[in-house]
């Protein structure tokens, strides 16, 4: 790759380009984001910083350093390099697979072996009494490995995608800004999700800004609820209990860096940064039990994984 980038620097330009490596801060190692496998070859241009400063760090190819690897914040905008395996040429088969549709008793031993190989094989074993339709349907040898994917303008934390805004809006405008992009103002359902979000915000990569969340106070029923679903809060991250009363009318929830990214409340007319959220897309990778290799990918989002998309009545808003 270095040679290609060097010889084509005039047409490609001398810009940093993302490659698929990132720092796995939990296991303290560099991995390829696509497979999660550790990176064995490391061609960094200089000494790597202390591990404490590597959280949310990804790898670029830096032309000003002879196209060696360099470390940049994963949130920085850069050009990037995509990769895929070339298609293999289709080789014509000399064996007529229509033979495999016959009853197994009509096949020769050689034909049985070839038919079994075409459908994945059974380690060369013979099944003289198995009808042909069963021979053509191999036993499942694959397992599903879940991975998650987010749009390019969002950051993945656990299995959710987040967008941390650069602009300030009042709460109502922030709510609709998220909805216009097929997301919603962030909700925090439990202590674990709150902890994961705090860890990222405490890193400072998204800036130290107070940000709107999707919770608001329903002054008629005197309770906090999530605007996207109308469901009352089961978990609350406020610094104090009994966050209810007439003083919270027309207020919504923020996450405030000045109090350790705990929750606070502000009038909805105030201008704040905000956090949009959506559930990450599930990527099911099919891997072989015996070899551990992966094959074709399939993308799916089950109905149980989709976030609720209902809204509360205008009286609560």
C-alpha atoms as a PDB file:
ATOM      1  CA  UNK A   1       0.000   0.000   0.000  1.00  0.00           C
ATOM      2  CA  UNK A   2       2.858   2.407   0.804  1.00  0.00           C
ATOM      3  CA  UNK A   3       4.285   1.982  -2.682  1.00  0.00           C
ATOM      4  CA  UNK A   4       0.902   2.613  -4.322  1.00  0.00           C
ATOM      5  CA  UNK A   5       0.232   5.756  -2.272  1.00  0.00           C
ATOM      6  CA  UNK A   6       3.737   7.065  -2.963  1.00  0.00           C
ATOM      7  CA  UNK A   7       3.554   6.605  -6.742  1.00  0.00           C
ATOM      8  CA  UNK A   8       0.039   8.067  -6.940  1.00  0.00           C
ATOM      9  CA  UNK A   9       0.481  10.938  -4.498  1.00  0.00           C
ATOM     10  CA  UNK A  10      -0.170  13.591  -7.171  1.00  0.00           C
ATOM     11  CA  UNK A  11      -3.557  12.185  -8.162  1.00  0.00           C
ATOM     12  CA  UNK A  12      -4.610  11.057  -4.674  1.00  0.00           C
ATOM     13  CA  UNK A  13      -3.298  14.059  -2.760  1.00  0.00           C
ATOM     14  CA  UNK A  14      -1.303  14.079   0.438  1.00  0.00           C
ATOM     15  CA  UNK A  15      -4.076  13.625   2.967  1.00  0.00           C
ATOM     16  CA  UNK A  16      -4.346  11.442   6.035  1.00  0.00           C
ATOM     17  CA  UNK A  17      -6.568   8.446   5.329  1.00  0.00           C
ATOM     18  CA  UNK A  18      -8.379   6.205   7.794  1.00  0.00           C
ATOM     19  CA  UNK A  19      -7.672   2.487   7.768  1.00  0.00           C
ATOM     20  CA  UNK A  20      -9.591  -0.087   9.812  1.00  0.00           C
ATOM     21  CA  UNK A  21      -7.468  -0.173  12.960  1.00  0.00           C
ATOM     22  CA  UNK A  22      -8.573   1.131  16.355  1.00  0.00           C
ATOM     23  CA  UNK A  23      -7.503   0.879  19.990  1.00  0.00           C
ATOM     24  CA  UNK A  24      -9.461  -1.576  22.149  1.00  0.00           C
ATOM     25  CA  UNK A  25      -9.065   0.220  25.472  1.00  0.00           C
ATOM     26  CA  UNK A  26     -10.799  -2.514  27.471  1.00  0.00           C
ATOM     27  CA  UNK A  27      -8.278  -5.184  26.421  1.00  0.00           C
ATOM     28  CA  UNK A  28      -5.438  -2.651  25.932  1.00  0.00           C
ATOM     29  CA  UNK A  29      -4.535  -3.700  22.404  1.00  0.00           C
ATOM     30  CA  UNK A  30      -4.827  -2.593  18.784  1.00  0.00           C
ATOM     31  CA  UNK A  31      -7.427  -4.474  16.727  1.00  0.00           C
ATOM     32  CA  UNK A  32      -8.971  -4.444  13.269  1.00  0.00           C
ATOM     33  CA  UNK A  33     -12.482  -3.002  13.647  1.00  0.00           C
ATOM     34  CA  UNK A  34     -14.009  -5.331  11.034  1.00  0.00           C
ATOM     35  CA  UNK A  35     -12.912  -8.605  12.640  1.00  0.00           C
ATOM     36  CA  UNK A  36     -11.859  -7.679  16.176  1.00  0.00           C
ATOM     37  CA  UNK A  37      -8.584  -9.553  15.625  1.00  0.00           C
ATOM     38  CA  UNK A  38      -5.386  -8.100  17.167  1.00  0.00           C
ATOM     39  CA  UNK A  39      -3.077  -6.203  14.825  1.00  0.00           C
ATOM     40  CA  UNK A  40       0.201  -8.089  14.505  1.00  0.00           C
ATOM     41  CA  UNK A  41       1.978  -5.647  12.147  1.00  0.00           C
ATOM     42  CA  UNK A  42       2.410  -2.145  13.549  1.00  0.00           C
ATOM     43  CA  UNK A  43       4.194   0.504  11.448  1.00  0.00           C
ATOM     44  CA  UNK A  44       3.635   3.603  13.551  1.00  0.00           C
ATOM     45  CA  UNK A  45       5.736   6.594  12.597  1.00  0.00           C
ATOM     46  CA  UNK A  46       6.832   7.278  16.170  1.00  0.00           C
ATOM     47  CA  UNK A  47       6.453   6.015  19.703  1.00  0.00           C
ATOM     48  CA  UNK A  48       2.864   5.358  20.745  1.00  0.00           C
ATOM     49  CA  UNK A  49       1.534   7.559  23.614  1.00  0.00           C
ATOM     50  CA  UNK A  50       0.764   6.169  27.043  1.00  0.00           C
ATOM     51  CA  UNK A  51      -2.183   3.733  27.058  1.00  0.00           C
ATOM     52  CA  UNK A  52      -4.185   6.119  29.223  1.00  0.00           C
ATOM     53  CA  UNK A  53      -4.450   8.548  26.304  1.00  0.00           C
ATOM     54  CA  UNK A  54      -5.379   6.018  23.600  1.00  0.00           C
ATOM     55  CA  UNK A  55      -9.124   5.713  24.291  1.00  0.00           C
ATOM     56  CA  UNK A  56     -11.172   6.475  21.125  1.00  0.00           C
ATOM     57  CA  UNK A  57      -7.996   6.505  19.007  1.00  0.00           C
ATOM     58  CA  UNK A  58      -7.918   5.114  15.457  1.00  0.00           C
ATOM     59  CA  UNK A  59      -5.230   4.626  12.796  1.00  0.00           C
ATOM     60  CA  UNK A  60      -4.525   6.731   9.699  1.00  0.00           C
ATOM     61  CA  UNK A  61      -1.945   6.388   6.945  1.00  0.00           C
ATOM     62  CA  UNK A  62       0.050   9.643   7.084  1.00  0.00           C
ATOM     63  CA  UNK A  63       1.747  10.723   3.805  1.00  0.00           C
ATOM     64  CA  UNK A  64       3.831  13.355   5.620  1.00  0.00           C
ATOM     65  CA  UNK A  65       5.424  10.471   7.534  1.00  0.00           C
ATOM     66  CA  UNK A  66       6.294   8.336   4.502  1.00  0.00           C
ATOM     67  CA  UNK A  67       2.833   6.726   4.601  1.00  0.00           C
ATOM     68  CA  UNK A  68       3.463   5.154   7.974  1.00  0.00           C
ATOM     69  CA  UNK A  69       0.666   4.777  10.493  1.00  0.00           C
ATOM     70  CA  UNK A  70      -0.315   7.608  12.791  1.00  0.00           C
ATOM     71  CA  UNK A  71      -2.845   7.970  15.602  1.00  0.00           C
ATOM     72  CA  UNK A  72      -5.816  10.333  15.453  1.00  0.00           C
ATOM     73  CA  UNK A  73      -9.005  10.824  17.420  1.00  0.00           C
ATOM     74  CA  UNK A  74     -11.728   8.620  15.917  1.00  0.00           C
ATOM     75  CA  UNK A  75     -13.994  11.686  15.738  1.00  0.00           C
ATOM     76  CA  UNK A  76     -11.741  13.676  13.398  1.00  0.00           C
ATOM     77  CA  UNK A  77     -12.899  13.968   9.768  1.00  0.00           C
ATOM     78  CA  UNK A  78     -10.415  12.374   7.369  1.00  0.00           C
ATOM     79  CA  UNK A  79     -10.412  10.723   3.989  1.00  0.00           C
ATOM     80  CA  UNK A  80     -10.485   6.929   4.133  1.00  0.00           C
ATOM     81  CA  UNK A  81      -9.511   3.744   2.308  1.00  0.00           C
ATOM     82  CA  UNK A  82     -12.093   1.032   1.617  1.00  0.00           C
ATOM     83  CA  UNK A  83     -11.205  -2.561   0.819  1.00  0.00           C
ATOM     84  CA  UNK A  84     -12.903  -5.726  -0.388  1.00  0.00           C
ATOM     85  CA  UNK A  85     -11.767  -9.088  -1.663  1.00  0.00           C
ATOM     86  CA  UNK A  86     -11.634  -9.455  -5.454  1.00  0.00           C
ATOM     87  CA  UNK A  87     -14.192 -11.737  -7.015  1.00  0.00           C
ATOM     88  CA  UNK A  88     -12.815 -15.125  -7.887  1.00  0.00           C
ATOM     89  CA  UNK A  89     -13.278 -16.239 -11.486  1.00  0.00           C
ATOM     90  CA  UNK A  90     -15.982 -18.875 -11.861  1.00  0.00           C
ATOM     91  CA  UNK A  91     -14.450 -22.117 -12.993  1.00  0.00           C
ATOM     92  CA  UNK A  92     -16.650 -24.311 -15.143  1.00  0.00           C
ATOM     93  CA  UNK A  93     -17.581 -27.592 -13.448  1.00  0.00           C
ATOM     94  CA  UNK A  94     -17.096 -30.766 -15.418  1.00  0.00           C
ATOM     95  CA  UNK A  95     -19.345 -32.673 -13.010  1.00  0.00           C
ATOM     96  CA  UNK A  96     -23.085 -32.551 -13.777  1.00  0.00           C
ATOM     97  CA  UNK A  97     -24.742 -31.671 -10.462  1.00  0.00           C
ATOM     98  CA  UNK A  98     -28.124 -32.832 -11.784  1.00  0.00           C
ATOM     99  CA  UNK A  99     -26.898 -36.347 -11.056  1.00  0.00           C
ATOM    100  CA  UNK A 100     -27.198 -35.554  -7.341  1.00  0.00           C
ATOM    101  CA  UNK A 101     -30.994 -35.291  -7.666  1.00  0.00           C
ATOM    102  CA  UNK A 102     -31.284 -39.015  -8.292  1.00  0.00           C
ATOM    103  CA  UNK A 103     -32.085 -41.492  -5.577  1.00  0.00           C
ATOM    104  CA  UNK A 104     -28.901 -42.272  -3.682  1.00  0.00           C
ATOM    105  CA  UNK A 105     -29.094 -45.967  -4.582  1.00  0.00           C
ATOM    106  CA  UNK A 106     -28.617 -45.025  -8.252  1.00  0.00           C
ATOM    107  CA  UNK A 107     -25.316 -43.194  -7.632  1.00  0.00           C
ATOM    108  CA  UNK A 108     -21.864 -44.713  -7.850  1.00  0.00           C
ATOM    109  CA  UNK A 109     -19.499 -44.316  -4.907  1.00  0.00           C
ATOM    110  CA  UNK A 110     -17.538 -41.690  -6.842  1.00  0.00           C
ATOM    111  CA  UNK A 111     -20.710 -39.722  -7.638  1.00  0.00           C
ATOM    112  CA  UNK A 112     -21.811 -39.851  -3.988  1.00  0.00           C
ATOM    113  CA  UNK A 113     -18.498 -38.378  -2.845  1.00  0.00           C
ATOM    114  CA  UNK A 114     -18.702 -35.576  -5.420  1.00  0.00           C
ATOM    115  CA  UNK A 115     -22.312 -34.812  -4.503  1.00  0.00           C
ATOM    116  CA  UNK A 116     -21.399 -34.643  -0.830  1.00  0.00           C
ATOM    117  CA  UNK A 117     -18.501 -32.290  -1.580  1.00  0.00           C
ATOM    118  CA  UNK A 118     -20.794 -29.971  -3.540  1.00  0.00           C
ATOM    119  CA  UNK A 119     -23.051 -29.528  -0.522  1.00  0.00           C
ATOM    120  CA  UNK A 120     -20.272 -29.078   2.003  1.00  0.00           C
ATOM    121  CA  UNK A 121     -19.432 -32.723   2.602  1.00  0.00           C
ATOM    122  CA  UNK A 122     -19.730 -34.912   5.648  1.00  0.00           C
ATOM    123  CA  UNK A 123     -16.007 -35.547   6.118  1.00  0.00           C
ATOM    124  CA  UNK A 124     -16.144 -38.045   3.264  1.00  0.00           C
ATOM    125  CA  UNK A 125     -18.631 -40.354   4.997  1.00  0.00           C
ATOM    126  CA  UNK A 126     -21.047 -42.405   2.928  1.00  0.00           C
ATOM    127  CA  UNK A 127     -24.788 -42.629   3.574  1.00  0.00           C
ATOM    128  CA  UNK A 128     -26.113 -45.380   1.258  1.00  0.00           C
ATOM    129  CA  UNK A 129     -29.663 -45.287   2.629  1.00  0.00           C
ATOM    130  CA  UNK A 130     -30.161 -41.502   2.724  1.00  0.00           C
ATOM    131  CA  UNK A 131     -32.424 -40.142  -0.049  1.00  0.00           C
ATOM    132  CA  UNK A 132     -30.949 -37.603  -2.429  1.00  0.00           C
ATOM    133  CA  UNK A 133     -32.921 -34.546  -1.150  1.00  0.00           C
ATOM    134  CA  UNK A 134     -31.284 -34.964   2.257  1.00  0.00           C
ATOM    135  CA  UNK A 135     -27.845 -35.308   0.700  1.00  0.00           C
ATOM    136  CA  UNK A 136     -28.418 -31.948  -0.983  1.00  0.00           C
ATOM    137  CA  UNK A 137     -29.164 -30.221   2.353  1.00  0.00           C
ATOM    138  CA  UNK A 138     -26.046 -30.297   4.547  1.00  0.00           C
ATOM    139  CA  UNK A 139     -26.316 -30.101   8.305  1.00  0.00           C
ATOM    140  CA  UNK A 140     -25.833 -26.554   9.627  1.00  0.00           C
ATOM    141  CA  UNK A 141     -22.233 -25.915  10.604  1.00  0.00           C
ATOM    142  CA  UNK A 142     -22.468 -22.174  11.089  1.00  0.00           C
ATOM    143  CA  UNK A 143     -22.939 -19.998  14.126  1.00  0.00           C
ATOM    144  CA  UNK A 144     -24.046 -16.367  14.320  1.00  0.00           C
ATOM    145  CA  UNK A 145     -21.655 -13.747  15.664  1.00  0.00           C
ATOM    146  CA  UNK A 146     -23.290 -10.380  16.318  1.00  0.00           C
ATOM    147  CA  UNK A 147     -21.547  -7.138  15.474  1.00  0.00           C
ATOM    148  CA  UNK A 148     -22.959  -3.633  15.261  1.00  0.00           C
ATOM    149  CA  UNK A 149     -22.754  -0.827  12.717  1.00  0.00           C
ATOM    150  CA  UNK A 150     -23.669   2.885  12.824  1.00  0.00           C
ATOM    151  CA  UNK A 151     -24.089   5.564  10.125  1.00  0.00           C
ATOM    152  CA  UNK A 152     -20.896   7.456   9.279  1.00  0.00           C
ATOM    153  CA  UNK A 153     -22.026  10.589  11.147  1.00  0.00           C
ATOM    154  CA  UNK A 154     -22.659   8.698  14.397  1.00  0.00           C
ATOM    155  CA  UNK A 155     -20.467   7.044  17.000  1.00  0.00           C
ATOM    156  CA  UNK A 156     -21.146   3.563  18.357  1.00  0.00           C
ATOM    157  CA  UNK A 157     -21.144   3.024  22.122  1.00  0.00           C
ATOM    158  CA  UNK A 158     -22.033  -0.558  23.060  1.00  0.00           C
ATOM    159  CA  UNK A 159     -24.989  -1.343  20.733  1.00  0.00           C
ATOM    160  CA  UNK A 160     -26.296   2.201  20.270  1.00  0.00           C
ATOM    161  CA  UNK A 161     -25.389   4.972  17.847  1.00  0.00           C
ATOM    162  CA  UNK A 162     -24.936   8.538  19.108  1.00  0.00           C
ATOM    163  CA  UNK A 163     -24.587  11.913  17.408  1.00  0.00           C
ATOM    164  CA  UNK A 164     -23.155  14.735  19.538  1.00  0.00           C
ATOM    165  CA  UNK A 165     -24.277  18.020  18.004  1.00  0.00           C
ATOM    166  CA  UNK A 166     -21.989  20.953  17.222  1.00  0.00           C
ATOM    167  CA  UNK A 167     -24.865  23.451  17.241  1.00  0.00           C
ATOM    168  CA  UNK A 168     -27.140  24.693  20.032  1.00  0.00           C
ATOM    169  CA  UNK A 169     -30.933  24.496  19.908  1.00  0.00           C
ATOM    170  CA  UNK A 170     -33.817  24.759  22.331  1.00  0.00           C
ATOM    171  CA  UNK A 171     -35.245  21.428  23.452  1.00  0.00           C
ATOM    172  CA  UNK A 172     -38.188  21.357  20.999  1.00  0.00           C
ATOM    173  CA  UNK A 173     -35.984  22.174  17.995  1.00  0.00           C
ATOM    174  CA  UNK A 174     -33.410  19.600  19.126  1.00  0.00           C
ATOM    175  CA  UNK A 175     -36.172  16.982  19.378  1.00  0.00           C
ATOM    176  CA  UNK A 176     -37.240  17.578  15.765  1.00  0.00           C
ATOM    177  CA  UNK A 177     -33.669  17.918  14.491  1.00  0.00           C
ATOM    178  CA  UNK A 178     -33.062  14.351  15.654  1.00  0.00           C
ATOM    179  CA  UNK A 179     -36.368  13.109  14.247  1.00  0.00           C
ATOM    180  CA  UNK A 180     -35.626  14.699  10.853  1.00  0.00           C
ATOM    181  CA  UNK A 181     -32.516  12.498  10.693  1.00  0.00           C
ATOM    182  CA  UNK A 182     -34.455   9.340  11.659  1.00  0.00           C
ATOM    183  CA  UNK A 183     -33.038   9.370  15.190  1.00  0.00           C
ATOM    184  CA  UNK A 184     -34.393  10.659  18.512  1.00  0.00           C
ATOM    185  CA  UNK A 185     -33.108  12.608  21.505  1.00  0.00           C
ATOM    186  CA  UNK A 186     -31.049  10.222  23.611  1.00  0.00           C
ATOM    187  CA  UNK A 187     -32.692   8.103  26.299  1.00  0.00           C
ATOM    188  CA  UNK A 188     -30.870   6.412  29.182  1.00  0.00           C
ATOM    189  CA  UNK A 189     -32.703   3.319  30.358  1.00  0.00           C
ATOM    190  CA  UNK A 190     -30.395   1.927  33.047  1.00  0.00           C
ATOM    191  CA  UNK A 191     -27.276   2.483  35.129  1.00  0.00           C
ATOM    192  CA  UNK A 192     -25.034   0.558  32.717  1.00  0.00           C
ATOM    193  CA  UNK A 193     -26.014   2.707  29.725  1.00  0.00           C
ATOM    194  CA  UNK A 194     -25.542   5.833  31.854  1.00  0.00           C
ATOM    195  CA  UNK A 195     -22.058   4.657  32.827  1.00  0.00           C
ATOM    196  CA  UNK A 196     -21.016   3.933  29.222  1.00  0.00           C
ATOM    197  CA  UNK A 197     -22.174   7.368  28.054  1.00  0.00           C
ATOM    198  CA  UNK A 198     -20.455   9.102  30.982  1.00  0.00           C
ATOM    199  CA  UNK A 199     -17.165   7.337  30.229  1.00  0.00           C
ATOM    200  CA  UNK A 200     -17.217   8.690  26.698  1.00  0.00           C
ATOM    201  CA  UNK A 201     -18.240  12.229  27.694  1.00  0.00           C
ATOM    202  CA  UNK A 202     -15.614  12.308  30.461  1.00  0.00           C
ATOM    203  CA  UNK A 203     -12.942  11.621  27.825  1.00  0.00           C
ATOM    204  CA  UNK A 204     -13.624  15.095  26.409  1.00  0.00           C
ATOM    205  CA  UNK A 205     -13.654  13.936  22.784  1.00  0.00           C
ATOM    206  CA  UNK A 206     -17.111  15.448  22.239  1.00  0.00           C
ATOM    207  CA  UNK A 207     -16.275  18.636  24.150  1.00  0.00           C
ATOM    208  CA  UNK A 208     -17.411  19.702  27.602  1.00  0.00           C
ATOM    209  CA  UNK A 209     -20.942  20.831  26.778  1.00  0.00           C
ATOM    210  CA  UNK A 210     -24.222  20.522  28.616  1.00  0.00           C
ATOM    211  CA  UNK A 211     -26.480  18.531  26.292  1.00  0.00           C
ATOM    212  CA  UNK A 212     -30.199  17.871  25.958  1.00  0.00           C
ATOM    213  CA  UNK A 213     -31.508  14.354  26.542  1.00  0.00           C
ATOM    214  CA  UNK A 214     -34.953  13.126  25.500  1.00  0.00           C
ATOM    215  CA  UNK A 215     -36.609  13.371  28.919  1.00  0.00           C
ATOM    216  CA  UNK A 216     -39.155  16.018  29.930  1.00  0.00           C
ATOM    217  CA  UNK A 217     -41.376  16.777  32.906  1.00  0.00           C
ATOM    218  CA  UNK A 218     -45.080  15.964  32.563  1.00  0.00           C
ATOM    219  CA  UNK A 219     -46.483  18.646  34.861  1.00  0.00           C
ATOM    220  CA  UNK A 220     -50.041  17.263  34.695  1.00  0.00           C
ATOM    221  CA  UNK A 221     -49.060  13.853  36.079  1.00  0.00           C
ATOM    222  CA  UNK A 222     -46.057  15.229  38.005  1.00  0.00           C
ATOM    223  CA  UNK A 223     -43.504  12.781  36.662  1.00  0.00           C
ATOM    224  CA  UNK A 224     -40.570  12.585  34.257  1.00  0.00           C
ATOM    225  CA  UNK A 225     -40.955  10.615  31.030  1.00  0.00           C
ATOM    226  CA  UNK A 226     -39.183   9.958  27.732  1.00  0.00           C
ATOM    227  CA  UNK A 227     -40.652  12.085  24.946  1.00  0.00           C
ATOM    228  CA  UNK A 228     -40.041   9.532  22.203  1.00  0.00           C
ATOM    229  CA  UNK A 229     -42.167   6.828  23.818  1.00  0.00           C
ATOM    230  CA  UNK A 230     -44.167   8.559  26.540  1.00  0.00           C
ATOM    231  CA  UNK A 231     -42.855   5.975  29.038  1.00  0.00           C
ATOM    232  CA  UNK A 232     -42.070   7.169  32.599  1.00  0.00           C
ATOM    233  CA  UNK A 233     -38.432   7.032  33.667  1.00  0.00           C
ATOM    234  CA  UNK A 234     -37.486   3.790  35.421  1.00  0.00           C
ATOM    235  CA  UNK A 235     -33.900   4.918  35.963  1.00  0.00           C
ATOM    236  CA  UNK A 236     -32.924   8.470  36.925  1.00  0.00           C
ATOM    237  CA  UNK A 237     -29.433   9.961  36.938  1.00  0.00           C
ATOM    238  CA  UNK A 238     -30.230  13.130  38.882  1.00  0.00           C
ATOM    239  CA  UNK A 239     -27.830  13.967  41.746  1.00  0.00           C
ATOM    240  CA  UNK A 240     -30.747  14.184  44.204  1.00  0.00           C
ATOM    241  CA  UNK A 241     -33.961  12.269  44.773  1.00  0.00           C
ATOM    242  CA  UNK A 242     -37.480  13.733  44.614  1.00  0.00           C
ATOM    243  CA  UNK A 243     -36.887  15.660  41.396  1.00  0.00           C
ATOM    244  CA  UNK A 244     -40.580  16.542  41.113  1.00  0.00           C
ATOM    245  CA  UNK A 245     -42.746  19.563  41.787  1.00  0.00           C
ATOM    246  CA  UNK A 246     -44.187  22.685  40.188  1.00  0.00           C
ATOM    247  CA  UNK A 247     -40.690  24.204  39.791  1.00  0.00           C
ATOM    248  CA  UNK A 248     -39.984  21.668  37.016  1.00  0.00           C
ATOM    249  CA  UNK A 249     -42.791  22.815  34.693  1.00  0.00           C
ATOM    250  CA  UNK A 250     -41.554  23.360  31.114  1.00  0.00           C
ATOM    251  CA  UNK A 251     -38.257  21.717  31.924  1.00  0.00           C
ATOM    252  CA  UNK A 252     -36.354  18.923  30.184  1.00  0.00           C
ATOM    253  CA  UNK A 253     -33.351  16.808  31.097  1.00  0.00           C
ATOM    254  CA  UNK A 254     -29.736  17.657  30.306  1.00  0.00           C
ATOM    255  CA  UNK A 255     -26.501  15.810  30.985  1.00  0.00           C
ATOM    256  CA  UNK A 256     -24.177  18.311  32.655  1.00  0.00           C
ATOM    257  CA  UNK A 257     -20.336  18.062  32.651  1.00  0.00           C
ATOM    258  CA  UNK A 258     -20.155  20.548  35.536  1.00  0.00           C
ATOM    259  CA  UNK A 259     -21.597  17.911  37.895  1.00  0.00           C
ATOM    260  CA  UNK A 260     -19.720  14.892  36.545  1.00  0.00           C
ATOM    261  CA  UNK A 261     -22.121  14.357  33.604  1.00  0.00           C
ATOM    262  CA  UNK A 262     -24.995  13.629  35.937  1.00  0.00           C
ATOM    263  CA  UNK A 263     -28.487  14.733  34.941  1.00  0.00           C
ATOM    264  CA  UNK A 264     -29.861  18.208  35.415  1.00  0.00           C
ATOM    265  CA  UNK A 265     -32.951  20.075  34.206  1.00  0.00           C
ATOM    266  CA  UNK A 266     -33.269  23.276  32.204  1.00  0.00           C
ATOM    267  CA  UNK A 267     -36.089  25.348  30.722  1.00  0.00           C
ATOM    268  CA  UNK A 268     -36.872  24.041  27.242  1.00  0.00           C
ATOM    269  CA  UNK A 269     -36.360  27.514  25.751  1.00  0.00           C
ATOM    270  CA  UNK A 270     -32.646  27.505  26.630  1.00  0.00           C
ATOM    271  CA  UNK A 271     -30.147  26.813  23.847  1.00  0.00           C
ATOM    272  CA  UNK A 272     -28.040  23.712  24.439  1.00  0.00           C
ATOM    273  CA  UNK A 273     -26.048  21.142  22.530  1.00  0.00           C
ATOM    274  CA  UNK A 274     -27.895  17.842  22.232  1.00  0.00           C
ATOM    275  CA  UNK A 275     -27.436  14.084  21.735  1.00  0.00           C
ATOM    276  CA  UNK A 276     -29.291  12.103  19.065  1.00  0.00           C
ATOM    277  CA  UNK A 277     -29.528   8.330  19.347  1.00  0.00           C
ATOM    278  CA  UNK A 278     -30.634   5.260  17.434  1.00  0.00           C
ATOM    279  CA  UNK A 279     -30.109   1.538  17.860  1.00  0.00           C
ATOM    280  CA  UNK A 280     -27.094   0.182  15.992  1.00  0.00           C
ATOM    281  CA  UNK A 281     -27.677  -2.054  12.998  1.00  0.00           C
ATOM    282  CA  UNK A 282     -27.017  -5.708  13.802  1.00  0.00           C
ATOM    283  CA  UNK A 283     -24.540  -7.439  11.508  1.00  0.00           C
ATOM    284  CA  UNK A 284     -24.795 -11.227  11.766  1.00  0.00           C
ATOM    285  CA  UNK A 285     -21.508 -12.827  10.747  1.00  0.00           C
ATOM    286  CA  UNK A 286     -21.626 -16.486   9.863  1.00  0.00           C
ATOM    287  CA  UNK A 287     -18.616 -18.417  11.148  1.00  0.00           C
ATOM    288  CA  UNK A 288     -17.594 -22.052  10.787  1.00  0.00           C
ATOM    289  CA  UNK A 289     -17.605 -24.045  14.027  1.00  0.00           C
ATOM    290  CA  UNK A 290     -14.548 -26.045  13.048  1.00  0.00           C
ATOM    291  CA  UNK A 291     -12.316 -23.395  11.510  1.00  0.00           C
ATOM    292  CA  UNK A 292     -13.654 -20.222  13.110  1.00  0.00           C
ATOM    293  CA  UNK A 293     -13.564 -18.590   9.683  1.00  0.00           C
ATOM    294  CA  UNK A 294     -16.215 -16.124   8.642  1.00  0.00           C
ATOM    295  CA  UNK A 295     -18.139 -16.145   5.428  1.00  0.00           C
ATOM    296  CA  UNK A 296     -20.908 -14.050   3.923  1.00  0.00           C
ATOM    297  CA  UNK A 297     -22.509 -11.401   6.109  1.00  0.00           C
ATOM    298  CA  UNK A 298     -26.189 -10.708   6.510  1.00  0.00           C
ATOM    299  CA  UNK A 299     -27.718  -7.602   8.071  1.00  0.00           C
ATOM    300  CA  UNK A 300     -30.859  -7.657  10.141  1.00  0.00           C
ATOM    301  CA  UNK A 301     -32.641  -5.811  12.915  1.00  0.00           C
ATOM    302  CA  UNK A 302     -35.118  -7.886  14.862  1.00  0.00           C
ATOM    303  CA  UNK A 303     -38.420  -6.388  15.920  1.00  0.00           C
ATOM    304  CA  UNK A 304     -37.496  -6.798  19.580  1.00  0.00           C
ATOM    305  CA  UNK A 305     -34.328  -4.725  19.056  1.00  0.00           C
ATOM    306  CA  UNK A 306     -36.029  -1.735  17.477  1.00  0.00           C
ATOM    307  CA  UNK A 307     -36.590   1.288  19.680  1.00  0.00           C
ATOM    308  CA  UNK A 308     -40.174   2.460  20.206  1.00  0.00           C
ATOM    309  CA  UNK A 309     -41.213   5.128  17.749  1.00  0.00           C
ATOM    310  CA  UNK A 310     -44.306   6.541  19.368  1.00  0.00           C
ATOM    311  CA  UNK A 311     -44.758  10.045  20.675  1.00  0.00           C
ATOM    312  CA  UNK A 312     -46.536  11.450  23.680  1.00  0.00           C
ATOM    313  CA  UNK A 313     -49.454  13.798  23.341  1.00  0.00           C
ATOM    314  CA  UNK A 314     -48.988  17.513  22.762  1.00  0.00           C
ATOM    315  CA  UNK A 315     -50.215  18.259  26.264  1.00  0.00           C
ATOM    316  CA  UNK A 316     -47.057  16.747  27.726  1.00  0.00           C
ATOM    317  CA  UNK A 317     -44.844  18.606  25.263  1.00  0.00           C
END
